[in-house]
Each structure stands twice: as C-alpha cells, then as structure tokens.
Amino acid sequence: MRTLRAFVVAAGCASTALALGAPVSNTELSEVCAQAEDPAHCGRLVEAVQLKRLPNLARREGNVLSVSLYPSGSTNFTDSDDVVNGRSYSLWDYLDGINAVVIYTTAGDNTTFTLLQRTTNRRIELPTEPQLAPDRQHLVTADICEARCTNEVVVWGVTRDGIRKELVWSPGAAWTDAVAKWKDTATLSFEYAGPDGTGTAERKLDDPGWKRVP
C-alpha cells in the first residue's frame, strides 16, 4: 500500500458546517504532521483538526472513534494495540456529495482508507485516498508505488447499496508514484513520477485501455 500522502510530505519526510466537508490540503497536512512519529500518529493529528471542523460528525473517546449515521444512530471504529493484529482509525474527511466519511486506517506497516456510507453503515476498504467525481457517481484511487502496491488505477461506482469496482488500469513500470484527480466527469488527470522523471497525463473513462469489471 502507498503511505499516507501527508506523512510523505511532512516526513520528507475552519468551517464547522458539516455540509461543506473538510478536505485537507497538502500544505496543511505538511504543517500538521511535521512532528509526527509515524503515519498512524499523523492520522491522529489530522483527526484532531477534523473533529473541530466537523463537530456533528464524529467524536473520540479513548481508543474509540464514533461516527454519526444518517438520519440517526452511530457506528464505532475501535483501535487495537495488539502486536500482530493491531489497527488504528482516524477521521480523515467527509464527502458531502455521497454522505460518506473517509477513515484513515493503519494495520502494522499497511495504510488504507475506509469509506463509510452514513445512510447504510456500509464500509469498504480502499488502497488510497478516494477522489469523488463531479457527477457524484464515481470515485478514483491510484495505488501506485515501487513496492507493496497493486500498481492500479481503479474507478469505483457509487450507489446507495455500496461501492464496487468498475474500471481498472495499470501504467506498468512507467510510473512509480501517481496522484489521480478528476478533470471532469469523463476524464481523469494524473501527476506521476517514474524512471524517466515526472509528468502529467489524462485518461478518458471510455479509453479502450481500461479493463471493465463485470
């Protein structure tokens, strides 16, 4: 899995309205996590910021992160200090467009993001921080690195019933790191690094190079 984007920068390493969401910029993450001991610590520092921005969304009591569901109820993410199976959870972001919460998750040396749909309490683990499309019907993740990654860009379909893979594409050895964003509903833009240096690229969702997942 890729390491936390903020922690890589740092270690290189406020609105309170829930409806506005609270994405954290790379610059802010670098400042927040400048003294972080590891990715899990960085995630917890980010959480402290997000809990203030989103006071009606979640709360922490000791090792338990409680996230409110919609229209009522709550669900818990409980940290574990187990040497073998220990996990930690930190509030990361709120995606207003799909009423979902992004939780930064660590398990040993692995880091992932858990997406929680608040209306159904459905959860799915994603390899990297998801980016929501303008049409609110898709997410994208780019799990690209030199080791312990799938080296895949995945477009996920978003419905009330859950999140599922729709499109998969791999740049192969040409890229060793990448960040994916939405240029528009039908187009992804990338900033990438590889053996030949850095660059930018775009890919349409109807490009024949995608593998469509049945």
N, C-alpha and C. Protein backbone atom coordinates (compact mmCIF):
# COMPACT_ATOMS: atom_id res chain seq x y z
N MET A 1 0.83 -1.20 0.00
CA MET A 1 0.00 0.00 0.00
C MET A 1 0.87 1.26 0.00
N ARG A 2 0.36 2.29 -0.58
CA ARG A 2 1.07 3.56 -0.52
C ARG A 2 1.01 4.12 0.88
N THR A 3 2.03 4.87 1.26
CA THR A 3 2.00 5.55 2.54
C THR A 3 1.08 6.76 2.45
N LEU A 4 0.71 7.28 3.59
CA LEU A 4 -0.14 8.46 3.68
C LEU A 4 0.49 9.64 2.95
N ARG A 5 -0.24 10.24 2.04
CA ARG A 5 0.32 11.33 1.24
C ARG A 5 0.84 12.46 2.11
N ALA A 6 0.12 12.76 3.17
CA ALA A 6 0.54 13.85 4.04
C ALA A 6 1.82 13.51 4.77
N PHE A 7 1.91 12.27 5.23
CA PHE A 7 3.08 11.90 6.01
C PHE A 7 4.34 11.89 5.15
N VAL A 8 4.21 11.50 3.90
CA VAL A 8 5.35 11.52 3.00
C VAL A 8 5.88 12.94 2.86
N VAL A 9 4.96 13.90 2.71
CA VAL A 9 5.37 15.29 2.59
C VAL A 9 5.99 15.79 3.89
N ALA A 10 5.32 15.47 5.00
CA ALA A 10 5.77 16.00 6.28
C ALA A 10 7.08 15.38 6.74
N ALA A 11 7.24 14.09 6.51
CA ALA A 11 8.43 13.41 6.99
C ALA A 11 9.58 13.58 6.03
N GLY A 12 9.21 14.04 4.84
CA GLY A 12 10.03 14.22 3.63
C GLY A 12 11.35 14.76 3.86
N CYS A 13 9.95 14.08 4.20
CA CYS A 13 9.68 13.42 5.35
C CYS A 13 10.26 12.82 5.13
N ALA A 14 -11.70 27.69 9.62
CA ALA A 14 -12.32 26.39 9.76
C ALA A 14 -13.81 26.59 9.91
N SER A 15 -14.13 25.93 8.81
CA SER A 15 -15.60 25.94 8.83
C SER A 15 -16.11 24.81 9.71
N THR A 16 -17.24 25.00 10.42
CA THR A 16 -17.80 23.93 11.24
C THR A 16 -19.07 23.38 10.63
N ALA A 17 -19.44 23.78 9.44
CA ALA A 17 -20.66 23.29 8.81
C ALA A 17 -20.39 21.94 8.17
N LEU A 18 -21.11 20.91 8.61
CA LEU A 18 -20.91 19.57 8.12
C LEU A 18 -21.10 19.49 6.62
N ALA A 19 -22.08 20.20 6.09
CA ALA A 19 -22.39 20.09 4.68
C ALA A 19 -21.27 20.58 3.78
N LEU A 20 -20.35 21.35 4.30
CA LEU A 20 -19.27 21.89 3.47
C LEU A 20 -18.13 20.89 3.30
N GLY A 21 -18.06 19.88 4.13
CA GLY A 21 -16.94 18.95 4.06
C GLY A 21 -15.68 19.62 4.56
N ALA A 22 -14.58 18.88 4.57
CA ALA A 22 -13.36 19.44 5.13
C ALA A 22 -12.12 18.79 4.54
N PRO A 23 -11.92 18.88 3.23
CA PRO A 23 -10.70 18.31 2.67
C PRO A 23 -9.47 19.02 3.21
N VAL A 24 -8.41 18.26 3.40
CA VAL A 24 -7.18 18.81 3.94
C VAL A 24 -6.15 18.92 2.81
N SER A 25 -5.60 20.10 2.63
CA SER A 25 -4.63 20.32 1.56
C SER A 25 -3.28 19.73 1.92
N ASN A 26 -2.44 19.52 0.90
CA ASN A 26 -1.10 19.00 1.15
C ASN A 26 -0.30 19.95 2.04
N THR A 27 -0.46 21.24 1.83
CA THR A 27 0.27 22.21 2.64
C THR A 27 -0.12 22.11 4.10
N GLU A 28 -1.43 22.02 4.35
CA GLU A 28 -1.90 21.91 5.73
C GLU A 28 -1.45 20.60 6.37
N LEU A 29 -1.49 19.53 5.60
CA LEU A 29 -1.05 18.24 6.12
C LEU A 29 0.42 18.27 6.50
N SER A 30 1.21 18.92 5.67
CA SER A 30 2.62 19.03 5.96
C SER A 30 2.87 19.74 7.27
N GLU A 31 2.10 20.79 7.52
CA GLU A 31 2.25 21.54 8.77
C GLU A 31 1.76 20.72 9.96
N VAL A 32 0.60 20.10 9.81
CA VAL A 32 0.02 19.34 10.92
C VAL A 32 0.90 18.17 11.33
N CYS A 33 1.49 17.49 10.33
CA CYS A 33 2.22 16.26 10.60
C CYS A 33 3.74 16.44 10.64
N ALA A 34 4.19 17.68 10.76
CA ALA A 34 5.64 17.94 10.73
C ALA A 34 6.38 17.17 11.82
N GLN A 35 5.75 16.97 12.98
CA GLN A 35 6.42 16.30 14.09
C GLN A 35 5.86 14.89 14.34
N ALA A 36 5.14 14.36 13.37
CA ALA A 36 4.54 13.04 13.56
C ALA A 36 5.60 11.95 13.64
N GLU A 37 5.38 10.98 14.50
CA GLU A 37 6.33 9.89 14.68
C GLU A 37 6.20 8.84 13.60
N ASP A 38 4.99 8.65 13.08
CA ASP A 38 4.75 7.66 12.05
C ASP A 38 3.41 7.98 11.40
N PRO A 39 3.02 7.24 10.34
CA PRO A 39 1.74 7.54 9.68
C PRO A 39 0.52 7.50 10.60
N ALA A 40 0.49 6.54 11.55
CA ALA A 40 -0.65 6.46 12.46
C ALA A 40 -0.76 7.72 13.31
N HIS A 41 0.37 8.21 13.79
CA HIS A 41 0.39 9.44 14.58
C HIS A 41 -0.06 10.62 13.74
N CYS A 42 0.40 10.67 12.49
CA CYS A 42 -0.03 11.73 11.58
C CYS A 42 -1.55 11.70 11.41
N GLY A 43 -2.10 10.50 11.22
CA GLY A 43 -3.54 10.39 11.07
C GLY A 43 -4.28 10.91 12.27
N ARG A 44 -3.77 10.65 13.46
CA ARG A 44 -4.43 11.11 14.67
C ARG A 44 -4.34 12.64 14.80
N LEU A 45 -3.23 13.22 14.36
CA LEU A 45 -3.10 14.68 14.38
C LEU A 45 -4.08 15.33 13.40
N VAL A 46 -4.26 14.70 12.24
CA VAL A 46 -5.24 15.20 11.28
C VAL A 46 -6.64 15.09 11.87
N GLU A 47 -6.91 13.98 12.53
CA GLU A 47 -8.22 13.79 13.15
C GLU A 47 -8.56 14.90 14.13
N ALA A 48 -7.58 15.32 14.92
CA ALA A 48 -7.82 16.38 15.90
C ALA A 48 -8.30 17.65 15.21
N VAL A 49 -7.74 17.93 14.03
CA VAL A 49 -8.17 19.10 13.26
C VAL A 49 -9.58 18.89 12.73
N GLN A 50 -9.85 17.71 12.19
CA GLN A 50 -11.14 17.44 11.57
C GLN A 50 -12.28 17.36 12.57
N LEU A 51 -12.00 16.89 13.76
CA LEU A 51 -13.06 16.84 14.78
C LEU A 51 -13.55 18.24 15.13
N LYS A 52 -12.65 19.22 15.07
CA LYS A 52 -13.05 20.60 15.34
C LYS A 52 -13.85 21.16 14.17
N ARG A 53 -13.49 20.80 12.97
CA ARG A 53 -14.19 21.30 11.78
C ARG A 53 -15.56 20.66 11.60
N LEU A 54 -15.67 19.41 12.03
CA LEU A 54 -16.89 18.65 11.81
C LEU A 54 -17.44 18.14 13.14
N PRO A 55 -17.83 19.04 14.02
CA PRO A 55 -18.21 18.65 15.38
C PRO A 55 -19.44 17.77 15.47
N ASN A 56 -20.29 17.81 14.46
CA ASN A 56 -21.50 16.99 14.49
C ASN A 56 -21.33 15.65 13.80
N LEU A 57 -20.15 15.40 13.29
CA LEU A 57 -19.92 14.18 12.51
C LEU A 57 -19.37 13.04 13.36
N ALA A 58 -18.43 13.34 14.23
CA ALA A 58 -17.76 12.27 14.96
C ALA A 58 -17.22 12.77 16.29
N ARG A 59 -16.87 11.83 17.14
CA ARG A 59 -16.23 12.18 18.41
C ARG A 59 -15.29 11.04 18.80
N ARG A 60 -14.30 11.36 19.58
CA ARG A 60 -13.37 10.33 20.06
C ARG A 60 -13.44 10.24 21.57
N GLU A 61 -13.48 9.00 22.05
CA GLU A 61 -13.40 8.71 23.48
C GLU A 61 -12.38 7.60 23.66
N GLY A 62 -11.17 7.97 24.06
CA GLY A 62 -10.11 6.98 24.21
C GLY A 62 -9.74 6.34 22.90
N ASN A 63 -9.86 5.02 22.83
CA ASN A 63 -9.50 4.30 21.61
C ASN A 63 -10.67 4.08 20.67
N VAL A 64 -11.80 4.75 20.94
CA VAL A 64 -13.00 4.57 20.12
C VAL A 64 -13.34 5.85 19.37
N LEU A 65 -13.42 5.73 18.04
CA LEU A 65 -13.89 6.81 17.19
C LEU A 65 -15.35 6.51 16.83
N SER A 66 -16.25 7.36 17.24
CA SER A 66 -17.68 7.17 16.99
C SER A 66 -18.13 8.12 15.90
N VAL A 67 -18.72 7.58 14.83
CA VAL A 67 -19.16 8.38 13.69
C VAL A 67 -20.69 8.33 13.61
N SER A 68 -21.32 9.48 13.47
CA SER A 68 -22.77 9.53 13.40
C SER A 68 -23.26 9.03 12.05
N LEU A 69 -24.36 8.28 12.09
CA LEU A 69 -25.02 7.80 10.88
C LEU A 69 -26.17 8.72 10.54
N TYR A 70 -26.75 8.53 9.34
CA TYR A 70 -27.86 9.38 8.91
C TYR A 70 -29.06 8.51 8.54
N PRO A 71 -30.24 8.81 9.05
CA PRO A 71 -30.60 10.03 9.79
C PRO A 71 -30.37 9.94 11.30
N SER A 72 -30.04 8.75 11.81
CA SER A 72 -29.83 8.63 13.25
C SER A 72 -28.89 7.46 13.52
N GLY A 73 -28.41 7.41 14.76
CA GLY A 73 -27.54 6.32 15.17
C GLY A 73 -26.08 6.67 15.00
N SER A 74 -25.23 5.72 15.31
CA SER A 74 -23.79 5.91 15.18
C SER A 74 -23.13 4.55 15.02
N THR A 75 -21.88 4.58 14.59
CA THR A 75 -21.10 3.36 14.46
C THR A 75 -19.69 3.63 14.97
N ASN A 76 -19.04 2.61 15.49
CA ASN A 76 -17.75 2.79 16.15
C ASN A 76 -16.60 2.13 15.39
N PHE A 77 -15.45 2.78 15.45
CA PHE A 77 -14.19 2.23 14.98
C PHE A 77 -13.27 2.17 16.20
N THR A 78 -12.88 0.97 16.60
CA THR A 78 -12.12 0.80 17.84
C THR A 78 -10.67 0.43 17.54
N ASP A 79 -9.75 1.25 18.03
CA ASP A 79 -8.33 0.97 17.86
C ASP A 79 -7.93 -0.26 18.67
N SER A 80 -6.94 -0.98 18.15
CA SER A 80 -6.40 -2.14 18.85
C SER A 80 -4.89 -2.03 18.90
N ASP A 81 -4.33 -2.30 20.09
CA ASP A 81 -2.87 -2.25 20.26
C ASP A 81 -2.23 -3.63 20.13
N ASP A 82 -2.99 -4.60 19.66
CA ASP A 82 -2.46 -5.94 19.51
C ASP A 82 -1.20 -5.92 18.64
N VAL A 83 -0.16 -6.60 19.09
CA VAL A 83 1.13 -6.56 18.39
C VAL A 83 1.01 -7.11 16.97
N VAL A 84 0.19 -8.14 16.78
CA VAL A 84 0.07 -8.79 15.48
C VAL A 84 -1.05 -8.19 14.65
N ASN A 85 -2.21 -8.01 15.26
CA ASN A 85 -3.39 -7.58 14.51
C ASN A 85 -3.87 -6.18 14.87
N GLY A 86 -2.99 -5.38 15.42
CA GLY A 86 -3.37 -4.04 15.83
C GLY A 86 -3.79 -3.16 14.67
N ARG A 87 -4.77 -2.31 14.92
CA ARG A 87 -5.26 -1.37 13.90
C ARG A 87 -5.55 -0.03 14.57
N SER A 88 -5.44 1.03 13.80
CA SER A 88 -5.84 2.35 14.29
C SER A 88 -6.69 3.02 13.23
N TYR A 89 -7.63 3.85 13.69
CA TYR A 89 -8.56 4.54 12.81
C TYR A 89 -8.54 6.04 13.15
N SER A 90 -8.51 6.86 12.11
CA SER A 90 -8.53 8.32 12.32
C SER A 90 -9.48 8.97 11.34
N LEU A 91 -10.31 9.88 11.83
CA LEU A 91 -11.19 10.64 10.95
C LEU A 91 -10.34 11.43 9.96
N TRP A 92 -10.66 11.29 8.68
CA TRP A 92 -9.84 11.93 7.64
C TRP A 92 -10.61 12.99 6.86
N ASP A 93 -11.82 12.67 6.40
CA ASP A 93 -12.55 13.61 5.55
C ASP A 93 -14.03 13.22 5.53
N TYR A 94 -14.82 14.15 5.03
CA TYR A 94 -16.25 13.92 4.82
C TYR A 94 -16.59 14.27 3.38
N LEU A 95 -17.19 13.33 2.64
CA LEU A 95 -17.58 13.55 1.26
C LEU A 95 -19.07 13.86 1.21
N ASP A 96 -19.38 15.14 1.23
CA ASP A 96 -20.76 15.58 1.30
C ASP A 96 -21.58 15.06 0.12
N GLY A 97 -20.97 15.00 -1.06
CA GLY A 97 -21.71 14.61 -2.26
C GLY A 97 -22.34 13.23 -2.19
N ILE A 98 -21.76 12.35 -1.39
CA ILE A 98 -22.31 11.00 -1.24
C ILE A 98 -22.55 10.65 0.23
N ASN A 99 -22.52 11.65 1.10
CA ASN A 99 -22.77 11.47 2.53
C ASN A 99 -21.94 10.30 3.08
N ALA A 100 -20.63 10.40 2.85
CA ALA A 100 -19.73 9.33 3.27
C ALA A 100 -18.57 9.92 4.06
N VAL A 101 -18.03 9.12 4.96
CA VAL A 101 -16.90 9.52 5.79
C VAL A 101 -15.68 8.71 5.38
N VAL A 102 -14.54 9.38 5.30
CA VAL A 102 -13.28 8.71 4.97
C VAL A 102 -12.47 8.55 6.26
N ILE A 103 -12.12 7.31 6.57
CA ILE A 103 -11.35 6.99 7.77
C ILE A 103 -9.96 6.51 7.35
N TYR A 104 -8.92 7.14 7.90
CA TYR A 104 -7.55 6.70 7.64
C TYR A 104 -7.26 5.53 8.56
N THR A 105 -6.79 4.42 8.00
CA THR A 105 -6.64 3.18 8.74
C THR A 105 -5.22 2.64 8.63
N THR A 106 -4.64 2.24 9.74
CA THR A 106 -3.33 1.60 9.71
C THR A 106 -3.42 0.23 10.34
N ALA A 107 -2.69 -0.72 9.78
CA ALA A 107 -2.59 -2.07 10.33
C ALA A 107 -1.15 -2.51 10.15
N GLY A 108 -0.38 -2.45 11.22
CA GLY A 108 1.04 -2.72 11.09
C GLY A 108 1.69 -1.67 10.21
N ASP A 109 2.38 -2.12 9.17
CA ASP A 109 3.02 -1.19 8.24
C ASP A 109 2.11 -0.80 7.08
N ASN A 110 0.91 -1.37 7.02
CA ASN A 110 -0.01 -1.08 5.93
C ASN A 110 -0.92 0.09 6.26
N THR A 111 -1.22 0.90 5.25
CA THR A 111 -2.14 2.01 5.42
C THR A 111 -3.20 1.95 4.33
N THR A 112 -4.44 2.16 4.70
CA THR A 112 -5.55 2.17 3.75
C THR A 112 -6.54 3.25 4.18
N PHE A 113 -7.62 3.37 3.43
CA PHE A 113 -8.70 4.28 3.78
C PHE A 113 -10.01 3.50 3.78
N THR A 114 -10.79 3.66 4.82
CA THR A 114 -12.08 3.02 4.92
C THR A 114 -13.17 4.04 4.60
N LEU A 115 -14.00 3.74 3.62
CA LEU A 115 -15.10 4.62 3.26
C LEU A 115 -16.38 4.11 3.91
N LEU A 116 -17.02 4.95 4.71
CA LEU A 116 -18.26 4.61 5.40
C LEU A 116 -19.41 5.39 4.79
N GLN A 117 -20.42 4.68 4.28
CA GLN A 117 -21.64 5.32 3.79
C GLN A 117 -22.60 5.49 4.96
N ARG A 118 -22.89 6.72 5.30
CA ARG A 118 -23.59 7.01 6.54
C ARG A 118 -25.05 6.58 6.53
N THR A 119 -25.67 6.50 5.36
CA THR A 119 -27.09 6.14 5.32
C THR A 119 -27.32 4.64 5.46
N THR A 120 -26.30 3.83 5.18
CA THR A 120 -26.45 2.38 5.23
C THR A 120 -25.48 1.69 6.17
N ASN A 121 -24.48 2.43 6.67
CA ASN A 121 -23.43 1.87 7.51
C ASN A 121 -22.59 0.84 6.75
N ARG A 122 -22.58 0.93 5.44
CA ARG A 122 -21.73 0.06 4.64
C ARG A 122 -20.30 0.60 4.63
N ARG A 123 -19.33 -0.31 4.68
CA ARG A 123 -17.93 0.07 4.69
C ARG A 123 -17.18 -0.65 3.58
N ILE A 124 -16.20 0.04 3.01
CA ILE A 124 -15.32 -0.60 2.05
C ILE A 124 -13.92 -0.05 2.26
N GLU A 125 -12.94 -0.94 2.21
CA GLU A 125 -11.54 -0.52 2.38
C GLU A 125 -10.95 -0.21 1.01
N LEU A 126 -10.35 0.95 0.89
CA LEU A 126 -9.74 1.40 -0.36
C LEU A 126 -8.24 1.55 -0.15
N PRO A 127 -7.43 1.29 -1.19
CA PRO A 127 -5.99 1.32 -1.01
C PRO A 127 -5.40 2.69 -0.80
N THR A 128 -6.02 3.72 -1.34
CA THR A 128 -5.53 5.09 -1.21
C THR A 128 -6.71 6.03 -1.00
N GLU A 129 -6.41 7.28 -0.74
CA GLU A 129 -7.45 8.28 -0.51
C GLU A 129 -8.32 8.44 -1.76
N PRO A 130 -9.63 8.25 -1.64
CA PRO A 130 -10.51 8.33 -2.81
C PRO A 130 -10.81 9.78 -3.20
N GLN A 131 -10.97 9.98 -4.51
CA GLN A 131 -11.35 11.28 -5.04
C GLN A 131 -12.72 11.14 -5.69
N LEU A 132 -13.66 12.00 -5.29
CA LEU A 132 -15.04 11.92 -5.77
C LEU A 132 -15.21 12.67 -7.09
N ALA A 133 -15.87 12.03 -8.06
CA ALA A 133 -16.11 12.64 -9.36
C ALA A 133 -17.17 13.73 -9.27
N PRO A 134 -17.15 14.67 -10.20
CA PRO A 134 -18.16 15.74 -10.20
C PRO A 134 -19.59 15.22 -10.29
N ASP A 135 -19.79 14.05 -10.93
CA ASP A 135 -21.16 13.53 -11.04
C ASP A 135 -21.61 12.80 -9.79
N ARG A 136 -20.71 12.68 -8.81
CA ARG A 136 -21.01 12.02 -7.52
C ARG A 136 -21.37 10.55 -7.68
N GLN A 137 -21.06 9.98 -8.83
CA GLN A 137 -21.38 8.59 -9.08
C GLN A 137 -20.14 7.70 -9.15
N HIS A 138 -18.96 8.32 -9.05
CA HIS A 138 -17.73 7.56 -9.15
C HIS A 138 -16.67 8.09 -8.19
N LEU A 139 -15.77 7.18 -7.80
CA LEU A 139 -14.57 7.52 -7.06
C LEU A 139 -13.38 7.00 -7.85
N VAL A 140 -12.21 7.55 -7.60
CA VAL A 140 -10.99 7.00 -8.19
C VAL A 140 -9.93 6.85 -7.11
N THR A 141 -9.17 5.77 -7.18
CA THR A 141 -7.99 5.58 -6.34
C THR A 141 -6.82 5.22 -7.24
N ALA A 142 -5.63 5.68 -6.86
CA ALA A 142 -4.41 5.36 -7.61
C ALA A 142 -3.41 4.75 -6.65
N ASP A 143 -3.25 3.45 -6.70
CA ASP A 143 -2.37 2.73 -5.79
C ASP A 143 -1.08 2.39 -6.54
N ILE A 144 -0.21 3.40 -6.68
CA ILE A 144 0.99 3.28 -7.49
C ILE A 144 2.22 3.55 -6.63
N CYS A 145 3.13 2.60 -6.57
CA CYS A 145 4.40 2.80 -5.87
C CYS A 145 5.37 1.71 -6.31
N GLU A 146 6.59 1.76 -5.79
CA GLU A 146 7.62 0.82 -6.22
C GLU A 146 7.52 -0.53 -5.55
N ALA A 147 6.84 -0.60 -4.40
CA ALA A 147 6.73 -1.87 -3.68
C ALA A 147 5.44 -1.90 -2.88
N ARG A 148 4.86 -3.09 -2.74
CA ARG A 148 3.68 -3.32 -1.91
C ARG A 148 2.46 -2.52 -2.36
N CYS A 149 2.33 -2.34 -3.66
CA CYS A 149 1.15 -1.68 -4.23
C CYS A 149 0.56 -2.57 -5.32
N THR A 150 -0.69 -2.34 -5.63
CA THR A 150 -1.31 -3.06 -6.74
C THR A 150 -0.89 -2.48 -8.09
N ASN A 151 -0.35 -1.24 -8.07
CA ASN A 151 0.00 -0.52 -9.29
C ASN A 151 -1.18 -0.43 -10.24
N GLU A 152 -2.32 -0.10 -9.66
CA GLU A 152 -3.55 0.04 -10.42
C GLU A 152 -4.25 1.35 -10.12
N VAL A 153 -4.86 1.89 -11.15
CA VAL A 153 -5.82 2.98 -11.01
C VAL A 153 -7.20 2.34 -11.12
N VAL A 154 -8.06 2.60 -10.14
CA VAL A 154 -9.39 1.99 -10.13
C VAL A 154 -10.46 3.06 -10.07
N VAL A 155 -11.45 2.93 -10.94
CA VAL A 155 -12.65 3.77 -10.87
C VAL A 155 -13.75 2.93 -10.24
N TRP A 156 -14.32 3.47 -9.18
CA TRP A 156 -15.34 2.77 -8.41
C TRP A 156 -16.72 3.40 -8.67
N GLY A 157 -17.72 2.56 -8.85
CA GLY A 157 -19.08 3.04 -8.97
C GLY A 157 -19.69 3.23 -7.60
N VAL A 158 -20.43 4.31 -7.41
CA VAL A 158 -21.03 4.63 -6.12
C VAL A 158 -22.55 4.54 -6.22
N THR A 159 -23.15 3.69 -5.42
CA THR A 159 -24.60 3.62 -5.31
C THR A 159 -24.97 3.57 -3.84
N ARG A 160 -26.23 3.71 -3.56
CA ARG A 160 -26.69 3.62 -2.18
C ARG A 160 -26.39 2.24 -1.59
N ASP A 161 -26.37 1.23 -2.45
CA ASP A 161 -26.17 -0.14 -1.99
C ASP A 161 -24.70 -0.50 -1.77
N GLY A 162 -23.80 0.39 -2.14
CA GLY A 162 -22.40 0.10 -1.90
C GLY A 162 -21.47 0.69 -2.95
N ILE A 163 -20.19 0.33 -2.83
CA ILE A 163 -19.14 0.80 -3.73
C ILE A 163 -18.54 -0.43 -4.42
N ARG A 164 -18.40 -0.39 -5.74
CA ARG A 164 -17.84 -1.54 -6.45
C ARG A 164 -16.91 -1.09 -7.56
N LYS A 165 -15.92 -1.93 -7.87
CA LYS A 165 -15.00 -1.65 -8.97
C LYS A 165 -15.73 -1.67 -10.30
N GLU A 166 -15.42 -0.67 -11.14
CA GLU A 166 -15.97 -0.65 -12.49
C GLU A 166 -14.88 -0.70 -13.55
N LEU A 167 -13.80 0.06 -13.33
CA LEU A 167 -12.72 0.15 -14.31
C LEU A 167 -11.38 0.00 -13.62
N VAL A 168 -10.44 -0.71 -14.27
CA VAL A 168 -9.10 -0.89 -13.73
C VAL A 168 -8.09 -0.67 -14.85
N TRP A 169 -7.00 0.04 -14.53
CA TRP A 169 -5.93 0.28 -15.50
C TRP A 169 -4.60 0.34 -14.78
N SER A 170 -3.57 -0.21 -15.40
CA SER A 170 -2.23 -0.17 -14.82
C SER A 170 -1.25 0.50 -15.78
N PRO A 171 -0.45 1.45 -15.27
CA PRO A 171 0.57 2.08 -16.12
C PRO A 171 1.82 1.24 -16.24
N GLY A 172 1.87 0.09 -15.57
CA GLY A 172 3.05 -0.76 -15.61
C GLY A 172 4.24 -0.11 -14.92
N ALA A 173 5.43 -0.39 -15.45
CA ALA A 173 6.66 0.12 -14.82
C ALA A 173 6.93 1.57 -15.16
N ALA A 174 6.11 2.17 -16.00
CA ALA A 174 6.35 3.55 -16.43
C ALA A 174 6.16 4.54 -15.29
N TRP A 175 5.31 4.19 -14.30
CA TRP A 175 5.04 5.07 -13.17
C TRP A 175 5.45 4.38 -11.88
N THR A 176 6.07 5.13 -10.99
CA THR A 176 6.41 4.61 -9.66
C THR A 176 5.64 5.34 -8.56
N ASP A 177 4.92 6.38 -8.92
CA ASP A 177 4.07 7.11 -7.99
C ASP A 177 3.08 7.91 -8.82
N ALA A 178 1.90 8.16 -8.29
CA ALA A 178 0.91 8.91 -9.05
C ALA A 178 -0.20 9.42 -8.15
N VAL A 179 -0.75 10.54 -8.52
CA VAL A 179 -1.93 11.12 -7.88
C VAL A 179 -2.98 11.31 -8.96
N ALA A 180 -4.19 10.85 -8.69
CA ALA A 180 -5.27 10.96 -9.66
C ALA A 180 -6.31 11.97 -9.18
N LYS A 181 -6.79 12.78 -10.11
CA LYS A 181 -7.86 13.72 -9.83
C LYS A 181 -8.82 13.73 -11.01
N TRP A 182 -10.00 14.30 -10.78
CA TRP A 182 -10.99 14.38 -11.84
C TRP A 182 -10.87 15.72 -12.57
N LYS A 183 -10.63 15.67 -13.88
CA LYS A 183 -10.66 16.89 -14.69
C LYS A 183 -12.10 17.27 -14.97
N ASP A 184 -12.91 16.27 -15.28
CA ASP A 184 -14.35 16.43 -15.42
C ASP A 184 -14.98 15.05 -15.22
N THR A 185 -16.28 14.94 -15.41
CA THR A 185 -16.97 13.70 -15.14
C THR A 185 -16.43 12.52 -15.94
N ALA A 186 -15.91 12.79 -17.13
CA ALA A 186 -15.48 11.72 -18.02
C ALA A 186 -13.97 11.60 -18.16
N THR A 187 -13.21 12.42 -17.42
CA THR A 187 -11.77 12.47 -17.63
C THR A 187 -11.01 12.52 -16.32
N LEU A 188 -9.97 11.70 -16.22
CA LEU A 188 -9.06 11.74 -15.08
C LEU A 188 -7.75 12.41 -15.48
N SER A 189 -7.18 13.16 -14.55
CA SER A 189 -5.86 13.75 -14.77
C SER A 189 -4.89 13.17 -13.73
N PHE A 190 -3.65 13.01 -14.12
CA PHE A 190 -2.64 12.41 -13.25
C PHE A 190 -1.39 13.26 -13.17
N GLU A 191 -0.80 13.30 -11.99
CA GLU A 191 0.57 13.74 -11.82
C GLU A 191 1.35 12.50 -11.41
N TYR A 192 2.43 12.19 -12.12
CA TYR A 192 3.10 10.93 -11.87
C TYR A 192 4.62 11.11 -11.87
N ALA A 193 5.28 10.12 -11.27
CA ALA A 193 6.73 10.03 -11.30
C ALA A 193 7.10 8.64 -11.78
N GLY A 194 8.24 8.56 -12.47
CA GLY A 194 8.68 7.28 -13.00
C GLY A 194 10.17 7.29 -13.26
N PRO A 195 10.70 6.22 -13.81
CA PRO A 195 12.14 6.14 -14.10
C PRO A 195 12.63 7.26 -15.00
N ASP A 196 11.75 7.79 -15.84
CA ASP A 196 12.14 8.84 -16.77
C ASP A 196 11.82 10.24 -16.28
N GLY A 197 11.39 10.35 -15.00
CA GLY A 197 11.10 11.66 -14.45
C GLY A 197 9.63 11.82 -14.13
N THR A 198 9.19 13.05 -13.98
CA THR A 198 7.81 13.34 -13.62
C THR A 198 7.04 13.86 -14.83
N GLY A 199 5.71 13.82 -14.72
CA GLY A 199 4.90 14.31 -15.82
C GLY A 199 3.43 14.35 -15.46
N THR A 200 2.63 14.70 -16.42
CA THR A 200 1.18 14.71 -16.26
C THR A 200 0.55 13.93 -17.40
N ALA A 201 -0.64 13.42 -17.16
CA ALA A 201 -1.34 12.65 -18.18
C ALA A 201 -2.83 12.73 -17.93
N GLU A 202 -3.60 12.40 -18.95
CA GLU A 202 -5.05 12.33 -18.82
C GLU A 202 -5.54 11.02 -19.40
N ARG A 203 -6.68 10.57 -18.92
CA ARG A 203 -7.27 9.34 -19.44
C ARG A 203 -8.78 9.45 -19.36
N LYS A 204 -9.44 9.24 -20.50
CA LYS A 204 -10.89 9.24 -20.56
C LYS A 204 -11.45 7.93 -20.02
N LEU A 205 -12.63 7.98 -19.46
CA LEU A 205 -13.25 6.77 -18.94
C LEU A 205 -13.66 5.81 -20.05
N ASP A 206 -13.79 6.31 -21.28
CA ASP A 206 -14.13 5.43 -22.39
C ASP A 206 -12.90 4.97 -23.17
N ASP A 207 -11.70 5.23 -22.61
CA ASP A 207 -10.48 4.77 -23.25
C ASP A 207 -10.48 3.23 -23.29
N PRO A 208 -10.14 2.63 -24.45
CA PRO A 208 -10.18 1.17 -24.54
C PRO A 208 -9.13 0.47 -23.68
N GLY A 209 -8.19 1.19 -23.12
CA GLY A 209 -7.17 0.58 -22.28
C GLY A 209 -7.67 0.14 -20.92
N TRP A 210 -8.85 0.62 -20.49
CA TRP A 210 -9.41 0.20 -19.21
C TRP A 210 -9.87 -1.26 -19.27
N LYS A 211 -9.69 -1.96 -18.17
CA LYS A 211 -10.32 -3.27 -18.02
C LYS A 211 -11.63 -3.06 -17.27
N ARG A 212 -12.71 -3.49 -17.89
CA ARG A 212 -14.02 -3.32 -17.27
C ARG A 212 -14.33 -4.51 -16.37
N VAL A 213 -14.73 -4.22 -15.15
CA VAL A 213 -15.01 -5.27 -14.17
C VAL A 213 -16.48 -5.63 -14.24
N PRO A 214 -16.79 -6.90 -14.53
CA PRO A 214 -18.20 -7.30 -14.68
C PRO A 214 -18.95 -7.24 -13.36
